[in-house]
Amino acid sequence: MTFSWLTPERMPRPLLRLLPPPKGLARGLAILPSTWPARAFTHLLQRHLLQTLPAGSLEFLEKRRVSVSVDDLGFFWAITAEGGKLHTLAPGTEAEATIRGKALDLLLLAGRLEDADTLFFQRRLIMTGDTALGLQIRNLLDQWPMERLSPALQVLLNRLTRLALAAKAARA
């Protein structure tokens, strides 16, 4: 049984309006321990991103600290690389570079539905701190072979991003 009819483009507008905006989700997610989103993010990167990259791709990040801030969800975490693996750092750890944006824009970037340069030039994503380190992260993401992700994860990421876009348009 397939649910091909259940695509964001075919969902009725009233149903899309029922989906909470990121700020609404943030209130519900606030009950989670603050380390869970960071650990889940690091696990996803470790399992799905790093296995698709050539060996040594993270050498530039060894013992360096990069943070990601999802402003509308209230998520903030810092990561580092040690021994070719990513590690989540303790909350409040000072980062050398920070990439911040809204959940939808970060989803668009991850799902390759929007170009990183476009998001940065439109100030929808903001990089602060060591911009050279931030650019290395961006270049790493540009080199990431999305086609090496499992097909199920590719479809999930694509549909989730399109659903968020459709829900935003329905609320407008």
N, C-alpha and C. Protein backbone atom coordinates (compact mmCIF):
# COMPACT_ATOMS: atom_id res chain seq x y z
N MET A 1 0.84 -1.18 0.00
CA MET A 1 0.00 0.00 0.00
C MET A 1 0.89 1.24 0.00
N THR A 2 0.65 2.14 -0.90
CA THR A 2 1.43 3.38 -0.94
C THR A 2 0.54 4.55 -0.56
N PHE A 3 1.18 5.57 -0.11
CA PHE A 3 0.48 6.79 0.27
C PHE A 3 0.95 7.95 -0.60
N SER A 4 1.09 7.69 -1.89
CA SER A 4 1.58 8.73 -2.78
C SER A 4 0.64 9.93 -2.82
N TRP A 5 -0.62 9.72 -2.49
CA TRP A 5 -1.58 10.83 -2.45
C TRP A 5 -1.28 11.76 -1.29
N LEU A 6 -0.54 11.26 -0.28
CA LEU A 6 -0.27 12.03 0.91
C LEU A 6 1.05 12.80 0.75
N THR A 7 1.07 13.67 -0.22
CA THR A 7 2.23 14.54 -0.42
C THR A 7 1.83 15.94 -0.01
N PRO A 8 2.78 16.75 0.41
CA PRO A 8 2.43 18.10 0.86
C PRO A 8 1.64 18.90 -0.18
N GLU A 9 1.96 18.71 -1.44
CA GLU A 9 1.28 19.47 -2.49
C GLU A 9 -0.18 19.06 -2.64
N ARG A 10 -0.52 17.86 -2.23
CA ARG A 10 -1.90 17.36 -2.38
C ARG A 10 -2.72 17.44 -1.10
N MET A 11 -2.09 17.85 0.00
CA MET A 11 -2.82 17.94 1.26
C MET A 11 -3.72 19.17 1.25
N PRO A 12 -4.92 19.04 1.80
CA PRO A 12 -5.83 20.19 1.86
C PRO A 12 -5.25 21.30 2.74
N ARG A 13 -5.45 22.54 2.32
CA ARG A 13 -4.94 23.70 3.05
C ARG A 13 -5.38 23.72 4.52
N PRO A 14 -6.66 23.42 4.82
CA PRO A 14 -7.07 23.44 6.23
C PRO A 14 -6.27 22.44 7.08
N LEU A 15 -5.93 21.31 6.50
CA LEU A 15 -5.13 20.32 7.23
C LEU A 15 -3.71 20.83 7.44
N LEU A 16 -3.15 21.47 6.44
CA LEU A 16 -1.80 22.03 6.56
C LEU A 16 -1.75 23.13 7.61
N ARG A 17 -2.84 23.91 7.72
CA ARG A 17 -2.88 24.99 8.72
C ARG A 17 -2.86 24.45 10.14
N LEU A 18 -3.27 23.19 10.32
CA LEU A 18 -3.28 22.59 11.66
C LEU A 18 -1.88 22.26 12.16
N LEU A 19 -0.94 22.13 11.24
CA LEU A 19 0.43 21.82 11.65
C LEU A 19 1.02 23.03 12.36
N PRO A 20 1.58 22.83 13.55
CA PRO A 20 2.09 23.99 14.29
C PRO A 20 3.34 24.57 13.63
N PRO A 21 3.50 25.88 13.73
CA PRO A 21 4.74 26.49 13.25
C PRO A 21 5.88 26.09 14.19
N PRO A 22 7.13 26.31 13.78
CA PRO A 22 8.26 25.91 14.63
C PRO A 22 8.18 26.45 16.06
N LYS A 23 7.73 27.70 16.22
CA LYS A 23 7.65 28.24 17.58
C LYS A 23 6.64 27.46 18.42
N GLY A 24 5.57 26.97 17.78
CA GLY A 24 4.61 26.14 18.48
C GLY A 24 5.22 24.78 18.86
N LEU A 25 6.01 24.24 17.97
CA LEU A 25 6.71 22.98 18.26
C LEU A 25 7.72 23.17 19.38
N ALA A 26 8.36 24.33 19.41
CA ALA A 26 9.39 24.60 20.42
C ALA A 26 8.84 24.47 21.83
N ARG A 27 7.59 24.92 22.03
CA ARG A 27 6.99 24.82 23.37
C ARG A 27 6.87 23.35 23.79
N GLY A 28 6.45 22.50 22.86
CA GLY A 28 6.32 21.08 23.18
C GLY A 28 7.67 20.40 23.35
N LEU A 29 8.63 20.79 22.52
CA LEU A 29 9.95 20.18 22.60
C LEU A 29 10.74 20.63 23.82
N ALA A 30 10.31 21.73 24.44
CA ALA A 30 11.01 22.27 25.60
C ALA A 30 10.98 21.31 26.79
N ILE A 31 10.06 20.34 26.77
CA ILE A 31 10.00 19.39 27.89
C ILE A 31 11.10 18.33 27.80
N LEU A 32 11.72 18.20 26.62
CA LEU A 32 12.81 17.23 26.46
C LEU A 32 14.06 17.72 27.18
N PRO A 33 14.86 16.79 27.70
CA PRO A 33 16.16 17.22 28.25
C PRO A 33 16.96 17.94 27.16
N SER A 34 17.66 19.00 27.53
CA SER A 34 18.32 19.85 26.54
C SER A 34 19.39 19.12 25.73
N THR A 35 19.91 18.00 26.23
CA THR A 35 20.97 17.28 25.50
C THR A 35 20.41 16.36 24.42
N TRP A 36 19.14 16.02 24.46
CA TRP A 36 18.59 15.07 23.49
C TRP A 36 18.66 15.54 22.05
N PRO A 37 18.21 16.76 21.73
CA PRO A 37 18.30 17.19 20.33
C PRO A 37 19.73 17.20 19.81
N ALA A 38 20.67 17.63 20.65
CA ALA A 38 22.08 17.66 20.23
C ALA A 38 22.60 16.25 19.98
N ARG A 39 22.26 15.34 20.85
CA ARG A 39 22.70 13.95 20.66
C ARG A 39 22.08 13.33 19.42
N ALA A 40 20.80 13.60 19.19
CA ALA A 40 20.13 13.06 18.00
C ALA A 40 20.76 13.64 16.74
N PHE A 41 21.04 14.94 16.73
CA PHE A 41 21.68 15.58 15.58
C PHE A 41 23.06 14.97 15.32
N THR A 42 23.84 14.82 16.37
CA THR A 42 25.18 14.25 16.22
C THR A 42 25.10 12.81 15.74
N HIS A 43 24.16 12.05 16.25
CA HIS A 43 24.00 10.66 15.82
C HIS A 43 23.64 10.60 14.33
N LEU A 44 22.71 11.44 13.90
CA LEU A 44 22.33 11.48 12.49
C LEU A 44 23.53 11.84 11.60
N LEU A 45 24.28 12.86 12.01
CA LEU A 45 25.46 13.24 11.24
C LEU A 45 26.47 12.10 11.19
N GLN A 46 26.73 11.51 12.35
CA GLN A 46 27.72 10.43 12.45
C GLN A 46 27.32 9.24 11.58
N ARG A 47 26.07 8.88 11.66
CA ARG A 47 25.61 7.67 10.98
C ARG A 47 25.36 7.87 9.48
N HIS A 48 24.83 9.03 9.12
CA HIS A 48 24.41 9.20 7.73
C HIS A 48 25.30 10.13 6.91
N LEU A 49 25.91 11.11 7.53
CA LEU A 49 26.76 12.03 6.78
C LEU A 49 28.19 11.52 6.69
N LEU A 50 28.75 11.20 7.83
CA LEU A 50 30.17 10.85 7.84
C LEU A 50 30.49 9.57 7.09
N GLN A 51 29.57 8.63 7.08
CA GLN A 51 29.82 7.37 6.36
C GLN A 51 29.84 7.57 4.86
N THR A 52 29.33 8.68 4.39
CA THR A 52 29.29 8.92 2.95
C THR A 52 30.47 9.78 2.48
N LEU A 53 31.26 10.30 3.42
CA LEU A 53 32.37 11.18 3.06
C LEU A 53 33.68 10.41 3.01
N PRO A 54 34.63 10.89 2.22
CA PRO A 54 35.95 10.25 2.18
C PRO A 54 36.64 10.33 3.54
N ALA A 55 37.50 9.37 3.82
CA ALA A 55 38.25 9.36 5.08
C ALA A 55 39.06 10.65 5.19
N GLY A 56 39.15 11.19 6.38
CA GLY A 56 39.92 12.40 6.62
C GLY A 56 39.17 13.69 6.36
N SER A 57 37.91 13.60 5.99
CA SER A 57 37.13 14.80 5.68
C SER A 57 36.95 15.72 6.88
N LEU A 58 37.07 15.18 8.07
CA LEU A 58 36.84 15.99 9.27
C LEU A 58 38.12 16.47 9.94
N GLU A 59 39.26 16.26 9.31
CA GLU A 59 40.52 16.65 9.94
C GLU A 59 40.55 18.12 10.32
N PHE A 60 39.96 18.98 9.50
CA PHE A 60 39.96 20.41 9.78
C PHE A 60 39.17 20.75 11.05
N LEU A 61 38.30 19.84 11.48
CA LEU A 61 37.45 20.08 12.65
C LEU A 61 38.02 19.46 13.93
N GLU A 62 39.16 18.75 13.82
CA GLU A 62 39.76 18.13 15.00
C GLU A 62 39.98 19.17 16.10
N LYS A 63 39.38 18.90 17.24
CA LYS A 63 39.51 19.73 18.44
C LYS A 63 39.09 21.19 18.22
N ARG A 64 38.28 21.42 17.21
CA ARG A 64 37.67 22.74 16.97
C ARG A 64 36.20 22.64 17.35
N ARG A 65 35.56 23.76 17.57
CA ARG A 65 34.17 23.74 18.03
C ARG A 65 33.29 24.57 17.11
N VAL A 66 32.24 23.94 16.62
CA VAL A 66 31.26 24.61 15.76
C VAL A 66 29.90 24.41 16.41
N SER A 67 29.11 25.48 16.44
CA SER A 67 27.77 25.34 17.00
C SER A 67 26.73 25.60 15.92
N VAL A 68 25.58 25.00 16.13
CA VAL A 68 24.42 25.17 15.26
C VAL A 68 23.29 25.67 16.15
N SER A 69 22.63 26.72 15.69
CA SER A 69 21.52 27.29 16.44
C SER A 69 20.28 27.29 15.55
N VAL A 70 19.25 26.60 16.00
CA VAL A 70 17.96 26.60 15.31
C VAL A 70 17.07 27.53 16.12
N ASP A 71 17.08 28.79 15.71
CA ASP A 71 16.51 29.85 16.54
C ASP A 71 15.04 29.66 16.88
N ASP A 72 14.22 29.29 15.90
CA ASP A 72 12.78 29.20 16.17
C ASP A 72 12.38 27.96 16.95
N LEU A 73 13.27 26.97 17.04
CA LEU A 73 12.99 25.80 17.87
C LEU A 73 13.67 25.88 19.24
N GLY A 74 14.56 26.86 19.38
CA GLY A 74 15.28 27.01 20.65
C GLY A 74 16.37 25.96 20.84
N PHE A 75 16.84 25.37 19.74
CA PHE A 75 17.92 24.38 19.83
C PHE A 75 19.26 25.07 19.61
N PHE A 76 20.23 24.67 20.39
CA PHE A 76 21.59 25.18 20.23
C PHE A 76 22.52 24.07 20.70
N TRP A 77 23.45 23.70 19.87
CA TRP A 77 24.42 22.71 20.30
C TRP A 77 25.75 22.95 19.62
N ALA A 78 26.79 22.46 20.27
CA ALA A 78 28.15 22.58 19.73
C ALA A 78 28.68 21.18 19.50
N ILE A 79 29.45 21.05 18.41
CA ILE A 79 30.05 19.76 18.08
C ILE A 79 31.54 19.95 17.81
N THR A 80 32.27 18.86 17.91
CA THR A 80 33.68 18.83 17.58
C THR A 80 33.98 17.47 16.97
N ALA A 81 35.16 17.33 16.42
CA ALA A 81 35.59 16.04 15.89
C ALA A 81 36.84 15.60 16.64
N GLU A 82 36.86 14.34 16.97
CA GLU A 82 38.05 13.74 17.59
C GLU A 82 38.16 12.33 17.06
N GLY A 83 39.30 12.01 16.51
CA GLY A 83 39.52 10.67 15.97
C GLY A 83 38.60 10.33 14.82
N GLY A 84 38.20 11.34 14.04
CA GLY A 84 37.33 11.10 12.90
C GLY A 84 35.87 10.92 13.24
N LYS A 85 35.50 11.16 14.50
CA LYS A 85 34.11 11.04 14.93
C LYS A 85 33.63 12.36 15.49
N LEU A 86 32.34 12.60 15.33
CA LEU A 86 31.75 13.81 15.88
C LEU A 86 31.33 13.58 17.33
N HIS A 87 31.45 14.63 18.12
CA HIS A 87 31.05 14.58 19.52
C HIS A 87 30.26 15.83 19.86
N THR A 88 29.21 15.65 20.64
CA THR A 88 28.43 16.77 21.14
C THR A 88 29.13 17.30 22.38
N LEU A 89 29.22 18.61 22.47
CA LEU A 89 29.86 19.24 23.62
C LEU A 89 28.82 19.64 24.66
N ALA A 90 29.27 19.86 25.85
CA ALA A 90 28.37 20.23 26.95
C ALA A 90 27.65 21.53 26.64
N PRO A 91 26.40 21.65 27.07
CA PRO A 91 25.67 22.90 26.87
C PRO A 91 26.47 24.08 27.43
N GLY A 92 26.45 25.18 26.72
CA GLY A 92 27.17 26.36 27.16
C GLY A 92 28.62 26.42 26.68
N THR A 93 29.08 25.38 25.97
CA THR A 93 30.45 25.38 25.46
C THR A 93 30.60 26.49 24.42
N GLU A 94 31.64 27.27 24.55
CA GLU A 94 31.93 28.35 23.61
C GLU A 94 32.38 27.75 22.28
N ALA A 95 31.80 28.21 21.19
CA ALA A 95 32.14 27.71 19.86
C ALA A 95 33.00 28.73 19.12
N GLU A 96 33.83 28.22 18.21
CA GLU A 96 34.66 29.10 17.40
C GLU A 96 33.86 29.69 16.24
N ALA A 97 32.89 28.94 15.76
CA ALA A 97 32.02 29.40 14.68
C ALA A 97 30.61 28.94 14.97
N THR A 98 29.64 29.77 14.63
CA THR A 98 28.24 29.42 14.84
C THR A 98 27.48 29.63 13.55
N ILE A 99 26.65 28.66 13.22
CA ILE A 99 25.74 28.77 12.09
C ILE A 99 24.34 28.79 12.67
N ARG A 100 23.60 29.85 12.37
CA ARG A 100 22.28 29.98 12.96
C ARG A 100 21.25 30.28 11.88
N GLY A 101 20.04 29.81 12.14
CA GLY A 101 18.95 30.06 11.21
C GLY A 101 17.67 29.45 11.74
N LYS A 102 16.63 29.57 10.94
CA LYS A 102 15.35 28.99 11.31
C LYS A 102 15.30 27.54 10.82
N ALA A 103 14.44 26.76 11.45
CA ALA A 103 14.33 25.34 11.14
C ALA A 103 14.08 25.09 9.66
N LEU A 104 13.16 25.84 9.06
CA LEU A 104 12.83 25.64 7.66
C LEU A 104 14.03 25.89 6.76
N ASP A 105 14.78 26.94 7.02
CA ASP A 105 15.94 27.25 6.19
C ASP A 105 17.03 26.19 6.34
N LEU A 106 17.21 25.68 7.55
CA LEU A 106 18.19 24.61 7.74
C LEU A 106 17.73 23.32 7.07
N LEU A 107 16.43 23.06 7.09
CA LEU A 107 15.88 21.90 6.37
C LEU A 107 16.07 22.05 4.86
N LEU A 108 15.83 23.25 4.35
CA LEU A 108 16.03 23.50 2.92
C LEU A 108 17.49 23.24 2.53
N LEU A 109 18.40 23.66 3.40
CA LEU A 109 19.83 23.43 3.14
C LEU A 109 20.15 21.94 3.18
N ALA A 110 19.68 21.26 4.21
CA ALA A 110 19.97 19.83 4.36
C ALA A 110 19.37 19.01 3.23
N GLY A 111 18.17 19.39 2.79
CA GLY A 111 17.51 18.64 1.73
C GLY A 111 17.91 19.07 0.33
N ARG A 112 18.84 20.02 0.28
CA ARG A 112 19.35 20.54 -0.99
C ARG A 112 18.25 21.14 -1.86
N LEU A 113 17.23 21.69 -1.21
CA LEU A 113 16.17 22.37 -1.95
C LEU A 113 16.47 23.86 -2.08
N GLU A 114 17.51 24.30 -1.38
CA GLU A 114 17.96 25.69 -1.47
C GLU A 114 19.48 25.69 -1.35
N ASP A 115 20.11 26.55 -2.10
CA ASP A 115 21.56 26.67 -2.13
C ASP A 115 22.06 27.41 -0.89
N ALA A 116 23.19 26.95 -0.33
CA ALA A 116 23.75 27.59 0.86
C ALA A 116 24.07 29.06 0.61
N ASP A 117 24.64 29.36 -0.54
CA ASP A 117 24.98 30.76 -0.83
C ASP A 117 23.75 31.64 -0.83
N THR A 118 22.66 31.16 -1.40
CA THR A 118 21.41 31.93 -1.43
C THR A 118 20.93 32.21 -0.01
N LEU A 119 20.94 31.19 0.83
CA LEU A 119 20.47 31.34 2.21
C LEU A 119 21.34 32.32 2.99
N PHE A 120 22.65 32.28 2.77
CA PHE A 120 23.55 33.20 3.48
C PHE A 120 23.42 34.62 2.94
N PHE A 121 23.37 34.77 1.62
CA PHE A 121 23.27 36.12 1.04
C PHE A 121 21.94 36.78 1.37
N GLN A 122 20.89 36.00 1.52
CA GLN A 122 19.59 36.56 1.90
C GLN A 122 19.47 36.74 3.41
N ARG A 123 20.54 36.43 4.13
CA ARG A 123 20.61 36.54 5.60
C ARG A 123 19.59 35.65 6.30
N ARG A 124 19.21 34.56 5.65
CA ARG A 124 18.32 33.59 6.28
C ARG A 124 19.14 32.61 7.12
N LEU A 125 20.39 32.43 6.77
CA LEU A 125 21.36 31.72 7.61
C LEU A 125 22.46 32.71 7.91
N ILE A 126 22.95 32.68 9.13
CA ILE A 126 23.97 33.62 9.56
C ILE A 126 25.13 32.85 10.16
N MET A 127 26.34 33.25 9.78
CA MET A 127 27.54 32.63 10.30
C MET A 127 28.29 33.68 11.11
N THR A 128 28.66 33.33 12.33
CA THR A 128 29.43 34.24 13.17
C THR A 128 30.67 33.53 13.68
N GLY A 129 31.61 34.31 14.16
CA GLY A 129 32.85 33.74 14.68
C GLY A 129 33.87 33.53 13.58
N ASP A 130 34.57 32.42 13.65
CA ASP A 130 35.63 32.08 12.69
C ASP A 130 34.99 31.70 11.36
N THR A 131 34.89 32.68 10.47
CA THR A 131 34.20 32.43 9.20
C THR A 131 34.96 31.44 8.31
N ALA A 132 36.27 31.36 8.46
CA ALA A 132 37.04 30.38 7.67
C ALA A 132 36.60 28.97 8.07
N LEU A 133 36.42 28.72 9.35
CA LEU A 133 35.95 27.42 9.82
C LEU A 133 34.53 27.17 9.34
N GLY A 134 33.69 28.19 9.42
CA GLY A 134 32.32 28.06 8.93
C GLY A 134 32.27 27.74 7.45
N LEU A 135 33.14 28.36 6.66
CA LEU A 135 33.19 28.08 5.23
C LEU A 135 33.67 26.66 4.95
N GLN A 136 34.58 26.16 5.78
CA GLN A 136 35.00 24.77 5.62
C GLN A 136 33.84 23.82 5.87
N ILE A 137 33.01 24.14 6.85
CA ILE A 137 31.81 23.32 7.13
C ILE A 137 30.87 23.38 5.92
N ARG A 138 30.64 24.59 5.41
CA ARG A 138 29.78 24.74 4.24
C ARG A 138 30.32 23.97 3.04
N ASN A 139 31.62 24.04 2.81
CA ASN A 139 32.23 23.30 1.70
C ASN A 139 32.09 21.80 1.90
N LEU A 140 32.20 21.34 3.14
CA LEU A 140 32.02 19.92 3.44
C LEU A 140 30.60 19.49 3.08
N LEU A 141 29.62 20.31 3.44
CA LEU A 141 28.23 19.99 3.12
C LEU A 141 28.00 20.00 1.61
N ASP A 142 28.67 20.93 0.90
CA ASP A 142 28.54 20.97 -0.56
C ASP A 142 29.10 19.70 -1.22
N GLN A 143 30.13 19.12 -0.61
CA GLN A 143 30.76 17.91 -1.16
C GLN A 143 29.99 16.64 -0.79
N TRP A 144 29.07 16.78 0.16
CA TRP A 144 28.34 15.63 0.67
C TRP A 144 27.53 14.99 -0.44
N PRO A 145 27.80 13.70 -0.72
CA PRO A 145 27.06 13.00 -1.79
C PRO A 145 25.69 12.55 -1.29
N MET A 146 24.69 13.41 -1.46
CA MET A 146 23.33 13.13 -0.99
C MET A 146 22.81 11.80 -1.53
N GLU A 147 23.21 11.45 -2.75
CA GLU A 147 22.72 10.21 -3.35
C GLU A 147 23.21 8.97 -2.62
N ARG A 148 24.20 9.13 -1.74
CA ARG A 148 24.68 7.97 -0.97
C ARG A 148 23.89 7.75 0.32
N LEU A 149 22.99 8.67 0.62
CA LEU A 149 22.07 8.44 1.74
C LEU A 149 21.11 7.32 1.37
N SER A 150 20.56 6.67 2.35
CA SER A 150 19.58 5.64 2.05
C SER A 150 18.39 6.29 1.34
N PRO A 151 17.78 5.60 0.39
CA PRO A 151 16.63 6.18 -0.31
C PRO A 151 15.51 6.60 0.66
N ALA A 152 15.30 5.81 1.70
CA ALA A 152 14.24 6.15 2.66
C ALA A 152 14.54 7.48 3.34
N LEU A 153 15.78 7.72 3.72
CA LEU A 153 16.14 8.97 4.37
C LEU A 153 16.06 10.15 3.40
N GLN A 154 16.42 9.93 2.15
CA GLN A 154 16.30 10.98 1.14
C GLN A 154 14.83 11.40 0.98
N VAL A 155 13.95 10.41 0.88
CA VAL A 155 12.52 10.69 0.71
C VAL A 155 11.99 11.38 1.96
N LEU A 156 12.35 10.90 3.14
CA LEU A 156 11.88 11.51 4.39
C LEU A 156 12.32 12.97 4.48
N LEU A 157 13.57 13.24 4.20
CA LEU A 157 14.08 14.61 4.27
C LEU A 157 13.38 15.51 3.26
N ASN A 158 13.19 15.01 2.05
CA ASN A 158 12.53 15.78 1.00
C ASN A 158 11.08 16.07 1.37
N ARG A 159 10.36 15.05 1.82
CA ARG A 159 8.93 15.25 2.16
C ARG A 159 8.75 16.14 3.38
N LEU A 160 9.61 15.97 4.37
CA LEU A 160 9.52 16.80 5.56
C LEU A 160 9.75 18.27 5.20
N THR A 161 10.72 18.53 4.36
CA THR A 161 11.01 19.90 3.94
C THR A 161 9.84 20.48 3.14
N ARG A 162 9.32 19.71 2.20
CA ARG A 162 8.20 20.18 1.40
C ARG A 162 6.94 20.38 2.26
N LEU A 163 6.75 19.52 3.26
CA LEU A 163 5.61 19.66 4.17
C LEU A 163 5.74 20.96 4.97
N ALA A 164 6.94 21.25 5.47
CA ALA A 164 7.15 22.49 6.22
C ALA A 164 6.90 23.71 5.33
N LEU A 165 7.34 23.66 4.09
CA LEU A 165 7.10 24.76 3.15
C LEU A 165 5.60 24.94 2.87
N ALA A 166 4.91 23.83 2.65
CA ALA A 166 3.48 23.89 2.36
C ALA A 166 2.69 24.40 3.57
N ALA A 167 3.07 23.97 4.78
CA ALA A 167 2.38 24.43 5.98
C ALA A 167 2.61 25.92 6.19
N LYS A 168 3.82 26.38 5.93
CA LYS A 168 4.11 27.81 6.05
C LYS A 168 3.27 28.61 5.07
N ALA A 169 3.17 28.14 3.84
CA ALA A 169 2.38 28.83 2.82
C ALA A 169 0.89 28.82 3.19
N ALA A 170 0.41 27.74 3.78
CA ALA A 170 -1.00 27.65 4.15
C ALA A 170 -1.34 28.59 5.31
N ARG A 171 -0.39 28.83 6.19
CA ARG A 171 -0.62 29.75 7.31
C ARG A 171 -0.51 31.20 6.91
N ALA A 172 0.10 31.47 5.76
CA ALA A 172 0.33 32.87 5.32
C ALA A 172 -0.96 33.51 4.83
